[in-house]
C-alpha atoms as a PDB file:
ATOM      1  CA  UNK A   1      36.714  17.514  12.178  1.00  0.00           C
ATOM      2  CA  UNK A   2      33.141  18.397  12.517  1.00  0.00           C
ATOM      3  CA  UNK A   3      31.705  16.208   9.456  1.00  0.00           C
ATOM      4  CA  UNK A   4      33.418  13.479  11.021  1.00  0.00           C
ATOM      5  CA  UNK A   5      31.583  13.545  14.494  1.00  0.00           C
ATOM      6  CA  UNK A   6      28.455  14.696  12.763  1.00  0.00           C
ATOM      7  CA  UNK A   7      29.076  11.084  10.462  1.00  0.00           C
ATOM      8  CA  UNK A   8      29.723   9.223  14.023  1.00  0.00           C
ATOM      9  CA  UNK A   9      26.494  10.622  15.280  1.00  0.00           C
ATOM     10  CA  UNK A  10      24.393   9.838  12.349  1.00  0.00           C
ATOM     11  CA  UNK A  11      25.620   6.077  12.655  1.00  0.00           C
ATOM     12  CA  UNK A  12      25.227   5.633  16.379  1.00  0.00           C
ATOM     13  CA  UNK A  13      21.704   7.502  15.801  1.00  0.00           C
ATOM     14  CA  UNK A  14      21.227   4.781  13.419  1.00  0.00           C
ATOM     15  CA  UNK A  15      22.295   2.063  15.430  1.00  0.00           C
ATOM     16  CA  UNK A  16      20.061   2.921  18.505  1.00  0.00           C
ATOM     17  CA  UNK A  17      17.409   2.705  15.903  1.00  0.00           C
ATOM     18  CA  UNK A  18      18.048  -0.703  14.854  1.00  0.00           C
ATOM     19  CA  UNK A  19      18.468  -2.138  18.416  1.00  0.00           C
ATOM     20  CA  UNK A  20      14.944  -0.792  19.178  1.00  0.00           C
ATOM     21  CA  UNK A  21      13.477  -2.228  16.285  1.00  0.00           C
ATOM     22  CA  UNK A  22      15.312  -5.397  17.497  1.00  0.00           C
ATOM     23  CA  UNK A  23      13.344  -5.380  21.120  1.00  0.00           C
ATOM     24  CA  UNK A  24       9.970  -4.241  19.736  1.00  0.00           C
ATOM     25  CA  UNK A  25       9.856  -6.782  16.828  1.00  0.00           C
ATOM     26  CA  UNK A  26      10.235  -4.456  13.808  1.00  0.00           C
ATOM     27  CA  UNK A  27      12.820  -4.571  11.719  1.00  0.00           C
ATOM     28  CA  UNK A  28      12.862  -2.334   9.342  1.00  0.00           C
ATOM     29  CA  UNK A  29      15.306  -1.340   6.116  1.00  0.00           C
ATOM     30  CA  UNK A  30      15.416   0.814   3.638  1.00  0.00           C
ATOM     31  CA  UNK A  31      12.882  -0.047   1.219  1.00  0.00           C
ATOM     32  CA  UNK A  32      14.020  -1.094  -1.934  1.00  0.00           C
ATOM     33  CA  UNK A  33      11.668   0.019  -4.973  1.00  0.00           C
ATOM     34  CA  UNK A  34      12.540  -3.490  -7.059  1.00  0.00           C
ATOM     35  CA  UNK A  35      10.408  -5.781  -3.929  1.00  0.00           C
ATOM     36  CA  UNK A  36       7.665  -2.982  -4.305  1.00  0.00           C
ATOM     37  CA  UNK A  37       7.653  -3.155  -8.112  1.00  0.00           C
ATOM     38  CA  UNK A  38       7.352  -7.056  -7.679  1.00  0.00           C
ATOM     39  CA  UNK A  39       4.235  -7.033  -5.934  1.00  0.00           C
ATOM     40  CA  UNK A  40       2.265  -4.458  -7.578  1.00  0.00           C
ATOM     41  CA  UNK A  41       2.954  -4.540 -10.773  1.00  0.00           C
ATOM     42  CA  UNK A  42       4.913  -2.043 -12.805  1.00  0.00           C
ATOM     43  CA  UNK A  43       2.500  -0.203 -14.890  1.00  0.00           C
ATOM     44  CA  UNK A  44       4.556   2.680 -17.023  1.00  0.00           C
ATOM     45  CA  UNK A  45       6.895   4.828 -16.521  1.00  0.00           C
ATOM     46  CA  UNK A  46       7.536   8.640 -17.965  1.00  0.00           C
ATOM     47  CA  UNK A  47      10.306  11.519 -17.128  1.00  0.00           C
ATOM     48  CA  UNK A  48       9.379  14.041 -14.828  1.00  0.00           C
ATOM     49  CA  UNK A  49      11.909  16.582 -14.891  1.00  0.00           C
ATOM     50  CA  UNK A  50      14.309  18.092 -12.869  1.00  0.00           C
ATOM     51  CA  UNK A  51      12.911  19.649  -9.195  1.00  0.00           C
ATOM     52  CA  UNK A  52      12.644  20.263  -5.651  1.00  0.00           C
ATOM     53  CA  UNK A  53      11.666  16.851  -4.060  1.00  0.00           C
ATOM     54  CA  UNK A  54      10.528  16.973   0.074  1.00  0.00           C
ATOM     55  CA  UNK A  55      13.384  14.678   1.853  1.00  0.00           C
ATOM     56  CA  UNK A  56      10.624  13.285   4.226  1.00  0.00           C
ATOM     57  CA  UNK A  57       9.185  11.528   0.651  1.00  0.00           C
ATOM     58  CA  UNK A  58      12.401   9.892  -0.375  1.00  0.00           C
ATOM     59  CA  UNK A  59      11.670   6.481   1.105  1.00  0.00           C
ATOM     60  CA  UNK A  60      13.303   3.915  -0.198  1.00  0.00           C
ATOM     61  CA  UNK A  61      16.215   3.031  -3.360  1.00  0.00           C
ATOM     62  CA  UNK A  62      15.966   1.664  -6.200  1.00  0.00           C
ATOM     63  CA  UNK A  63      18.713  -1.036  -5.186  1.00  0.00           C
ATOM     64  CA  UNK A  64      18.282  -3.733  -2.344  1.00  0.00           C
ATOM     65  CA  UNK A  65      22.182  -3.669  -1.472  1.00  0.00           C
ATOM     66  CA  UNK A  66      21.636   0.152  -0.555  1.00  0.00           C
ATOM     67  CA  UNK A  67      19.584  -1.235   2.347  1.00  0.00           C
ATOM     68  CA  UNK A  68      23.006  -2.547   4.270  1.00  0.00           C
ATOM     69  CA  UNK A  69      24.600   1.167   4.176  1.00  0.00           C
ATOM     70  CA  UNK A  70      21.460   3.288   4.942  1.00  0.00           C
ATOM     71  CA  UNK A  71      18.971   2.684   7.349  1.00  0.00           C
ATOM     72  CA  UNK A  72      15.026   3.653   6.582  1.00  0.00           C
ATOM     73  CA  UNK A  73      15.936   7.694   7.418  1.00  0.00           C
ATOM     74  CA  UNK A  74      19.267   7.230   5.225  1.00  0.00           C
ATOM     75  CA  UNK A  75      21.489   7.208   8.289  1.00  0.00           C
ATOM     76  CA  UNK A  76      24.793   5.681   7.448  1.00  0.00           C
ATOM     77  CA  UNK A  77      25.124   2.206   8.877  1.00  0.00           C
ATOM     78  CA  UNK A  78      28.518   1.224   7.359  1.00  0.00           C
ATOM     79  CA  UNK A  79      31.637   2.858   8.269  1.00  0.00           C
ATOM     80  CA  UNK A  80      33.091   2.562   4.962  1.00  0.00           C
ATOM     81  CA  UNK A  81      30.594   5.179   4.138  1.00  0.00           C
ATOM     82  CA  UNK A  82      32.790   7.144   6.462  1.00  0.00           C
ATOM     83  CA  UNK A  83      35.080   9.037   3.529  1.00  0.00           C
ATOM     84  CA  UNK A  84      32.459  10.349   0.778  1.00  0.00           C
ATOM     85  CA  UNK A  85      29.827  10.771   3.465  1.00  0.00           C
ATOM     86  CA  UNK A  86      32.284  13.571   5.648  1.00  0.00           C
ATOM     87  CA  UNK A  87      33.637  15.183   2.042  1.00  0.00           C
ATOM     88  CA  UNK A  88      29.869  15.724   0.741  1.00  0.00           C
ATOM     89  CA  UNK A  89      28.993  17.267   4.488  1.00  0.00           C
ATOM     90  CA  UNK A  90      31.689  19.743   3.908  1.00  0.00           C
ATOM     91  CA  UNK A  91      31.053  20.895   0.897  1.00  0.00           C
ATOM     92  CA  UNK A  92      26.919  20.802   1.477  1.00  0.00           C
ATOM     93  CA  UNK A  93      27.343  22.876   4.503  1.00  0.00           C
ATOM     94  CA  UNK A  94      29.766  25.268   2.753  1.00  0.00           C
ATOM     95  CA  UNK A  95      26.666  26.224   0.094  1.00  0.00           C
ATOM     96  CA  UNK A  96      28.665  24.123  -2.827  1.00  0.00           C
ATOM     97  CA  UNK A  97      26.128  23.128  -5.328  1.00  0.00           C
ATOM     98  CA  UNK A  98      25.340  19.809  -5.815  1.00  0.00           C
ATOM     99  CA  UNK A  99      23.857  17.654  -8.492  1.00  0.00           C
ATOM    100  CA  UNK A 100      20.188  16.786  -8.702  1.00  0.00           C
ATOM    101  CA  UNK A 101      19.883  13.080  -7.131  1.00  0.00           C
ATOM    102  CA  UNK A 102      17.816  10.915  -9.669  1.00  0.00           C
ATOM    103  CA  UNK A 103      15.022   9.266  -8.223  1.00  0.00           C
ATOM    104  CA  UNK A 104      12.044   7.071  -9.121  1.00  0.00           C
ATOM    105  CA  UNK A 105       8.753   8.700  -8.231  1.00  0.00           C
ATOM    106  CA  UNK A 106       5.894   6.421  -7.131  1.00  0.00           C
ATOM    107  CA  UNK A 107       2.495   7.401  -5.928  1.00  0.00           C
ATOM    108  CA  UNK A 108       4.352  10.972  -4.191  1.00  0.00           C
ATOM    109  CA  UNK A 109       7.002   9.100  -2.771  1.00  0.00           C
ATOM    110  CA  UNK A 110      10.740   8.494  -4.085  1.00  0.00           C
ATOM    111  CA  UNK A 111      12.975   5.693  -4.739  1.00  0.00           C
ATOM    112  CA  UNK A 112      16.799   6.888  -4.958  1.00  0.00           C
ATOM    113  CA  UNK A 113      18.766   5.759  -8.461  1.00  0.00           C
ATOM    114  CA  UNK A 114      21.726   8.410  -7.975  1.00  0.00           C
ATOM    115  CA  UNK A 115      22.036  10.056  -4.996  1.00  0.00           C
ATOM    116  CA  UNK A 116      22.131   8.572  -1.240  1.00  0.00           C
ATOM    117  CA  UNK A 117      24.676  10.232   0.120  1.00  0.00           C
ATOM    118  CA  UNK A 118      23.229  13.565  -0.769  1.00  0.00           C
ATOM    119  CA  UNK A 119      20.067  12.226   0.563  1.00  0.00           C
ATOM    120  CA  UNK A 120      21.583  11.024   3.708  1.00  0.00           C
ATOM    121  CA  UNK A 121      23.820  14.449   4.537  1.00  0.00           C
ATOM    122  CA  UNK A 122      21.173  16.745   3.649  1.00  0.00           C
ATOM    123  CA  UNK A 123      18.757  14.976   6.068  1.00  0.00           C
ATOM    124  CA  UNK A 124      21.579  15.394   8.377  1.00  0.00           C
ATOM    125  CA  UNK A 125      21.604  19.270   7.885  1.00  0.00           C
ATOM    126  CA  UNK A 126      18.059  19.361   8.110  1.00  0.00           C
ATOM    127  CA  UNK A 127      16.999  20.397   4.672  1.00  0.00           C
ATOM    128  CA  UNK A 128      13.630  20.220   4.141  1.00  0.00           C
ATOM    129  CA  UNK A 129      14.164  19.433   0.447  1.00  0.00           C
ATOM    130  CA  UNK A 130      16.746  18.299  -2.435  1.00  0.00           C
ATOM    131  CA  UNK A 131      17.218  18.559  -6.335  1.00  0.00           C
ATOM    132  CA  UNK A 132      15.800  15.805  -7.953  1.00  0.00           C
ATOM    133  CA  UNK A 133      15.579  13.935 -11.752  1.00  0.00           C
ATOM    134  CA  UNK A 134      12.651  12.239 -11.400  1.00  0.00           C
ATOM    135  CA  UNK A 135      11.193   9.826 -13.454  1.00  0.00           C
ATOM    136  CA  UNK A 136       7.983   8.694 -12.057  1.00  0.00           C
ATOM    137  CA  UNK A 137       6.340   5.040 -12.422  1.00  0.00           C
ATOM    138  CA  UNK A 138       2.953   3.900 -12.212  1.00  0.00           C
ATOM    139  CA  UNK A 139       1.610   0.397 -10.537  1.00  0.00           C
ATOM    140  CA  UNK A 140      -1.303  -1.034 -11.342  1.00  0.00           C
ATOM    141  CA  UNK A 141      -1.721  -1.779  -7.220  1.00  0.00           C
ATOM    142  CA  UNK A 142      -1.646   0.774  -5.015  1.00  0.00           C
ATOM    143  CA  UNK A 143       1.181   0.385  -2.056  1.00  0.00           C
ATOM    144  CA  UNK A 144       1.941   2.169   0.955  1.00  0.00           C
ATOM    145  CA  UNK A 145       5.429   3.183   1.255  1.00  0.00           C
ATOM    146  CA  UNK A 146       6.311   1.232   4.598  1.00  0.00           C
ATOM    147  CA  UNK A 147       4.514  -1.411   3.554  1.00  0.00           C
ATOM    148  CA  UNK A 148       5.126  -4.591   5.324  1.00  0.00           C
ATOM    149  CA  UNK A 149       5.237  -8.294   3.730  1.00  0.00           C
ATOM    150  CA  UNK A 150       1.357  -9.033   4.174  1.00  0.00           C
ATOM    151  CA  UNK A 151       1.023  -5.778   2.717  1.00  0.00           C
ATOM    152  CA  UNK A 152       3.036  -6.847  -0.232  1.00  0.00           C
ATOM    153  CA  UNK A 153       1.762 -10.159  -0.664  1.00  0.00           C
ATOM    154  CA  UNK A 154      -1.836  -7.996  -0.534  1.00  0.00           C
ATOM    155  CA  UNK A 155      -0.469  -6.293  -3.317  1.00  0.00           C
ATOM    156  CA  UNK A 156       0.776  -9.147  -5.364  1.00  0.00           C
ATOM    157  CA  UNK A 157      -2.636 -10.410  -4.931  1.00  0.00           C
ATOM    158  CA  UNK A 158      -4.235  -7.468  -6.218  1.00  0.00           C
ATOM    159  CA  UNK A 159      -2.412  -7.138  -9.224  1.00  0.00           C
ATOM    160  CA  UNK A 160      -2.584 -10.238  -9.956  1.00  0.00           C
ATOM    161  CA  UNK A 161      -6.894  -9.936  -9.733  1.00  0.00           C
ATOM    162  CA  UNK A 162      -6.024  -6.643 -11.915  1.00  0.00           C
ATOM    163  CA  UNK A 163      -4.660  -8.665 -14.644  1.00  0.00           C
ATOM    164  CA  UNK A 164      -7.014 -11.085 -14.370  1.00  0.00           C
ATOM    165  CA  UNK A 165     -10.028  -8.819 -14.033  1.00  0.00           C
ATOM    166  CA  UNK A 166      -8.663  -5.944 -16.229  1.00  0.00           C
ATOM    167  CA  UNK A 167     -11.098  -3.768 -13.622  1.00  0.00           C
ATOM    168  CA  UNK A 168      -8.339  -0.806 -13.738  1.00  0.00           C
ATOM    169  CA  UNK A 169      -8.879  -0.239 -17.365  1.00  0.00           C
ATOM    170  CA  UNK A 170     -12.888  -1.265 -17.259  1.00  0.00           C
ATOM    171  CA  UNK A 171     -13.314   1.091 -14.082  1.00  0.00           C
ATOM    172  CA  UNK A 172     -10.242   3.483 -13.718  1.00  0.00           C
ATOM    173  CA  UNK A 173     -12.325   4.833 -10.495  1.00  0.00           C
ATOM    174  CA  UNK A 174     -12.572   1.252  -8.833  1.00  0.00           C
ATOM    175  CA  UNK A 175      -9.989   0.841  -6.032  1.00  0.00           C
ATOM    176  CA  UNK A 176     -10.830  -2.659  -3.979  1.00  0.00           C
ATOM    177  CA  UNK A 177      -8.684  -2.825  -0.795  1.00  0.00           C
ATOM    178  CA  UNK A 178      -8.677  -5.392   1.459  1.00  0.00           C
ATOM    179  CA  UNK A 179      -7.893  -6.510   4.567  1.00  0.00           C
ATOM    180  CA  UNK A 180      -6.682 -10.208   4.335  1.00  0.00           C
ATOM    181  CA  UNK A 181      -5.006 -12.571   2.267  1.00  0.00           C
ATOM    182  CA  UNK A 182      -6.929 -14.687  -0.681  1.00  0.00           C
ATOM    183  CA  UNK A 183      -9.782 -12.196  -0.471  1.00  0.00           C
ATOM    184  CA  UNK A 184      -8.856 -11.450  -3.612  1.00  0.00           C
ATOM    185  CA  UNK A 185      -9.819 -14.546  -4.949  1.00  0.00           C
ATOM    186  CA  UNK A 186     -12.874 -14.655  -3.169  1.00  0.00           C
ATOM    187  CA  UNK A 187     -14.339 -11.405  -5.510  1.00  0.00           C
ATOM    188  CA  UNK A 188     -13.012 -13.251  -8.138  1.00  0.00           C
ATOM    189  CA  UNK A 189     -15.287 -16.334  -7.365  1.00  0.00           C
ATOM    190  CA  UNK A 190     -17.889 -13.799  -7.279  1.00  0.00           C
ATOM    191  CA  UNK A 191     -17.373 -12.448 -10.612  1.00  0.00           C
ATOM    192  CA  UNK A 192     -17.192 -15.840 -12.345  1.00  0.00           C
ATOM    193  CA  UNK A 193     -20.560 -16.696 -10.862  1.00  0.00           C
ATOM    194  CA  UNK A 194     -21.927 -13.557 -12.108  1.00  0.00           C
ATOM    195  CA  UNK A 195     -20.358 -13.940 -15.258  1.00  0.00           C
ATOM    196  CA  UNK A 196     -22.622 -17.431 -15.849  1.00  0.00           C
ATOM    197  CA  UNK A 197     -25.416 -15.884 -14.591  1.00  0.00           C
ATOM    198  CA  UNK A 198     -25.330 -13.064 -17.020  1.00  0.00           C
ATOM    199  CA  UNK A 199     -24.543 -15.780 -19.610  1.00  0.00           C
ATOM    200  CA  UNK A 200     -27.795 -17.517 -19.110  1.00  0.00           C
ATOM    201  CA  UNK A 201     -29.617 -14.566 -18.635  1.00  0.00           C
ATOM    202  CA  UNK A 202     -28.662 -13.445 -22.082  1.00  0.00           C
ATOM    203  CA  UNK A 203     -28.536 -16.578 -23.458  1.00  0.00           C
ATOM    204  CA  UNK A 204     -24.846 -15.988 -24.932  1.00  0.00           C
ATOM    205  CA  UNK A 205     -21.161 -16.702 -23.841  1.00  0.00           C
ATOM    206  CA  UNK A 206     -20.324 -13.643 -21.588  1.00  0.00           C
ATOM    207  CA  UNK A 207     -16.744 -12.392 -22.304  1.00  0.00           C
ATOM    208  CA  UNK A 208     -14.755 -11.624 -18.615  1.00  0.00           C
ATOM    209  CA  UNK A 209     -14.446  -7.739 -19.578  1.00  0.00           C
ATOM    210  CA  UNK A 210     -18.397  -7.465 -20.033  1.00  0.00           C
ATOM    211  CA  UNK A 211     -18.912  -9.516 -16.557  1.00  0.00           C
ATOM    212  CA  UNK A 212     -16.551  -7.693 -14.493  1.00  0.00           C
ATOM    213  CA  UNK A 213     -17.783  -4.574 -15.906  1.00  0.00           C
ATOM    214  CA  UNK A 214     -21.388  -5.685 -15.261  1.00  0.00           C
ATOM    215  CA  UNK A 215     -20.569  -7.039 -12.232  1.00  0.00           C
ATOM    216  CA  UNK A 216     -18.953  -3.877 -10.561  1.00  0.00           C
ATOM    217  CA  UNK A 217     -21.794  -1.374 -11.922  1.00  0.00           C
ATOM    218  CA  UNK A 218     -24.461  -3.765 -10.585  1.00  0.00           C
ATOM    219  CA  UNK A 219     -23.844  -5.667  -7.912  1.00  0.00           C
ATOM    220  CA  UNK A 220     -20.534  -4.047  -6.343  1.00  0.00           C
ATOM    221  CA  UNK A 221     -21.474   0.098  -6.613  1.00  0.00           C
ATOM    222  CA  UNK A 222     -24.566  -0.906  -5.222  1.00  0.00           C
ATOM    223  CA  UNK A 223     -23.648  -2.687  -2.378  1.00  0.00           C
ATOM    224  CA  UNK A 224     -20.958  -0.581  -1.320  1.00  0.00           C
ATOM    225  CA  UNK A 225     -23.437   2.436  -1.682  1.00  0.00           C
ATOM    226  CA  UNK A 226     -25.643   0.943   0.856  1.00  0.00           C
ATOM    227  CA  UNK A 227     -22.452   0.152   3.161  1.00  0.00           C
ATOM    228  CA  UNK A 228     -21.769   3.809   3.118  1.00  0.00           C
ATOM    229  CA  UNK A 229     -25.373   4.753   3.772  1.00  0.00           C
ATOM    230  CA  UNK A 230     -25.418   2.375   6.467  1.00  0.00           C
ATOM    231  CA  UNK A 231     -22.153   3.979   7.587  1.00  0.00           C
ATOM    232  CA  UNK A 232     -21.199   0.232   8.207  1.00  0.00           C
ATOM    233  CA  UNK A 233     -17.310   1.092   8.028  1.00  0.00           C
ATOM    234  CA  UNK A 234     -17.616   3.229  11.752  1.00  0.00           C
ATOM    235  CA  UNK A 235     -18.859   0.180  13.008  1.00  0.00           C
ATOM    236  CA  UNK A 236     -16.909  -2.493  12.049  1.00  0.00           C
ATOM    237  CA  UNK A 237     -13.437  -1.377  12.586  1.00  0.00           C
ATOM    238  CA  UNK A 238     -10.918  -3.190  10.821  1.00  0.00           C
ATOM    239  CA  UNK A 239     -12.928  -3.894   7.859  1.00  0.00           C
ATOM    240  CA  UNK A 240     -12.572  -2.207   4.431  1.00  0.00           C
ATOM    241  CA  UNK A 241     -15.411  -1.523   1.735  1.00  0.00           C
ATOM    242  CA  UNK A 242     -14.423  -4.527  -0.541  1.00  0.00           C
ATOM    243  CA  UNK A 243     -14.242  -6.635   2.853  1.00  0.00           C
ATOM    244  CA  UNK A 244     -17.830  -5.654   3.699  1.00  0.00           C
ATOM    245  CA  UNK A 245     -18.752  -6.267  -0.181  1.00  0.00           C
ATOM    246  CA  UNK A 246     -17.199  -9.391   0.054  1.00  0.00           C
ATOM    247  CA  UNK A 247     -19.357 -10.627   3.347  1.00  0.00           C
ATOM    248  CA  UNK A 248     -22.665  -8.898   2.572  1.00  0.00           C
ATOM    249  CA  UNK A 249     -22.698 -11.288  -0.998  1.00  0.00           C
ATOM    250  CA  UNK A 250     -21.799 -14.010   0.845  1.00  0.00           C
ATOM    251  CA  UNK A 251     -24.772 -13.663   3.431  1.00  0.00           C
ATOM    252  CA  UNK A 252     -26.919 -12.675   0.713  1.00  0.00           C
ATOM    253  CA  UNK A 253     -26.714 -15.816  -1.371  1.00  0.00           C
ATOM    254  CA  UNK A 254     -27.013 -18.129   1.823  1.00  0.00           C
ATOM    255  CA  UNK A 255     -29.668 -16.058   3.229  1.00  0.00           C
ATOM    256  CA  UNK A 256     -30.951 -16.840  -0.746  1.00  0.00           C
ATOM    257  CA  UNK A 257     -30.797 -20.660  -0.357  1.00  0.00           C
ATOM    258  CA  UNK A 258     -32.194 -20.656   2.603  1.00  0.00           C
ATOM    259  CA  UNK A 259     -35.529 -19.300   1.164  1.00  0.00           C
ATOM    260  CA  UNK A 260     -34.764 -16.422   3.431  1.00  0.00           C
ATOM    261  CA  UNK A 261     -35.767 -12.761   2.488  1.00  0.00           C
ATOM    262  CA  UNK A 262     -32.511 -11.869   0.487  1.00  0.00           C
ATOM    263  CA  UNK A 263     -31.259  -8.638  -0.681  1.00  0.00           C
ATOM    264  CA  UNK A 264     -27.802  -5.865   0.437  1.00  0.00           C
ATOM    265  CA  UNK A 265     -30.358  -4.473   2.824  1.00  0.00           C
ATOM    266  CA  UNK A 266     -30.988  -7.398   4.345  1.00  0.00           C
ATOM    267  CA  UNK A 267     -27.702  -8.967   4.420  1.00  0.00           C
ATOM    268  CA  UNK A 268     -25.961  -5.686   6.358  1.00  0.00           C
ATOM    269  CA  UNK A 269     -28.769  -5.759   8.492  1.00  0.00           C
ATOM    270  CA  UNK A 270     -28.314  -9.732   9.806  1.00  0.00           C
ATOM    271  CA  UNK A 271     -24.226  -8.713  10.188  1.00  0.00           C
ATOM    272  CA  UNK A 272     -25.235  -5.293  11.875  1.00  0.00           C
ATOM    273  CA  UNK A 273     -27.399  -7.551  14.077  1.00  0.00           C
ATOM    274  CA  UNK A 274     -25.081  -9.907  15.327  1.00  0.00           C
ATOM    275  CA  UNK A 275     -22.028  -7.411  15.828  1.00  0.00           C
ATOM    276  CA  UNK A 276     -24.548  -5.907  17.928  1.00  0.00           C
ATOM    277  CA  UNK A 277     -25.582  -9.058  19.974  1.00  0.00           C
ATOM    278  CA  UNK A 278     -22.083  -9.968  20.391  1.00  0.00           C
ATOM    279  CA  UNK A 279     -21.604  -6.327  21.846  1.00  0.00           C
ATOM    280  CA  UNK A 280     -24.386  -7.219  24.621  1.00  0.00           C
ATOM    281  CA  UNK A 281     -22.890 -10.448  24.953  1.00  0.00           C
ATOM    282  CA  UNK A 282     -19.401  -9.249  25.727  1.00  0.00           C
ATOM    283  CA  UNK A 283     -20.933  -6.312  28.112  1.00  0.00           C
ATOM    284  CA  UNK A 284     -23.163  -8.440  30.259  1.00  0.00           C
ATOM    285  CA  UNK A 285     -20.089 -11.573  30.494  1.00  0.00           C
ATOM    286  CA  UNK A 286     -18.439 -11.804  33.854  1.00  0.00           C
ATOM    287  CA  UNK A 287     -15.536 -10.135  33.117  1.00  0.00           C
ATOM    288  CA  UNK A 288     -17.299  -7.306  32.694  1.00  0.00           C
ATOM    289  CA  UNK A 289     -19.339  -6.748  35.449  1.00  0.00           C
END
């Protein structure tokens, strides 16, 4: 009886959350691993053994259709889950041993292959951990477990950028994150431009790998160090280091074409100066008096 009552409570809680999501325009579903891997590109996998994993790190399913059965918190949605859910509830409540669930692990988060009902019941019972048989997977592009469609698209762009440039292979510590779509194309254009001029300088054709490594070492990193030393990210909220790198490079090139003193320092100072002037104009406008 208690199991049936708790199933109804859990299902009603999922219903309330779904209504709230519709009203706020933030509709969410159980994240399917397939969607994540398609965007971020599977790069390998390895068996990670059986171990206890935190239930709050179980964020999705290996199967797209499970979003019709469970919400993002693994609350039951469909009434057809009732019998199996209630039977598991009784068993787990009374301490019966349960087999480990099977999951894929990605960046410290887990996607269920087998054991959706066990995760749902364990969460409802207030468990913190659950035994799991883990297969660790890697992706080329990093991706948050609650990524929205725009983030999935950015991850797909980043994965494509990495496949083109092999930056993650050439410089494993490099991590270029951007805030808007299309920016990886801009970075690639900068690399191709660097490749062209590097070829002229060296008097021979430069390979893509050579150009990418040179661009990262001699262009990206020096600008990144200046951005950090000027604390520019704190002054431009919403921007990433890679965003700023693109903008600084663009201004650097424009200043050079205009015959002005050109370099990353000058470009950063121009950017911050324009931001300060814009802030003062806003402060002095009638709306702020």
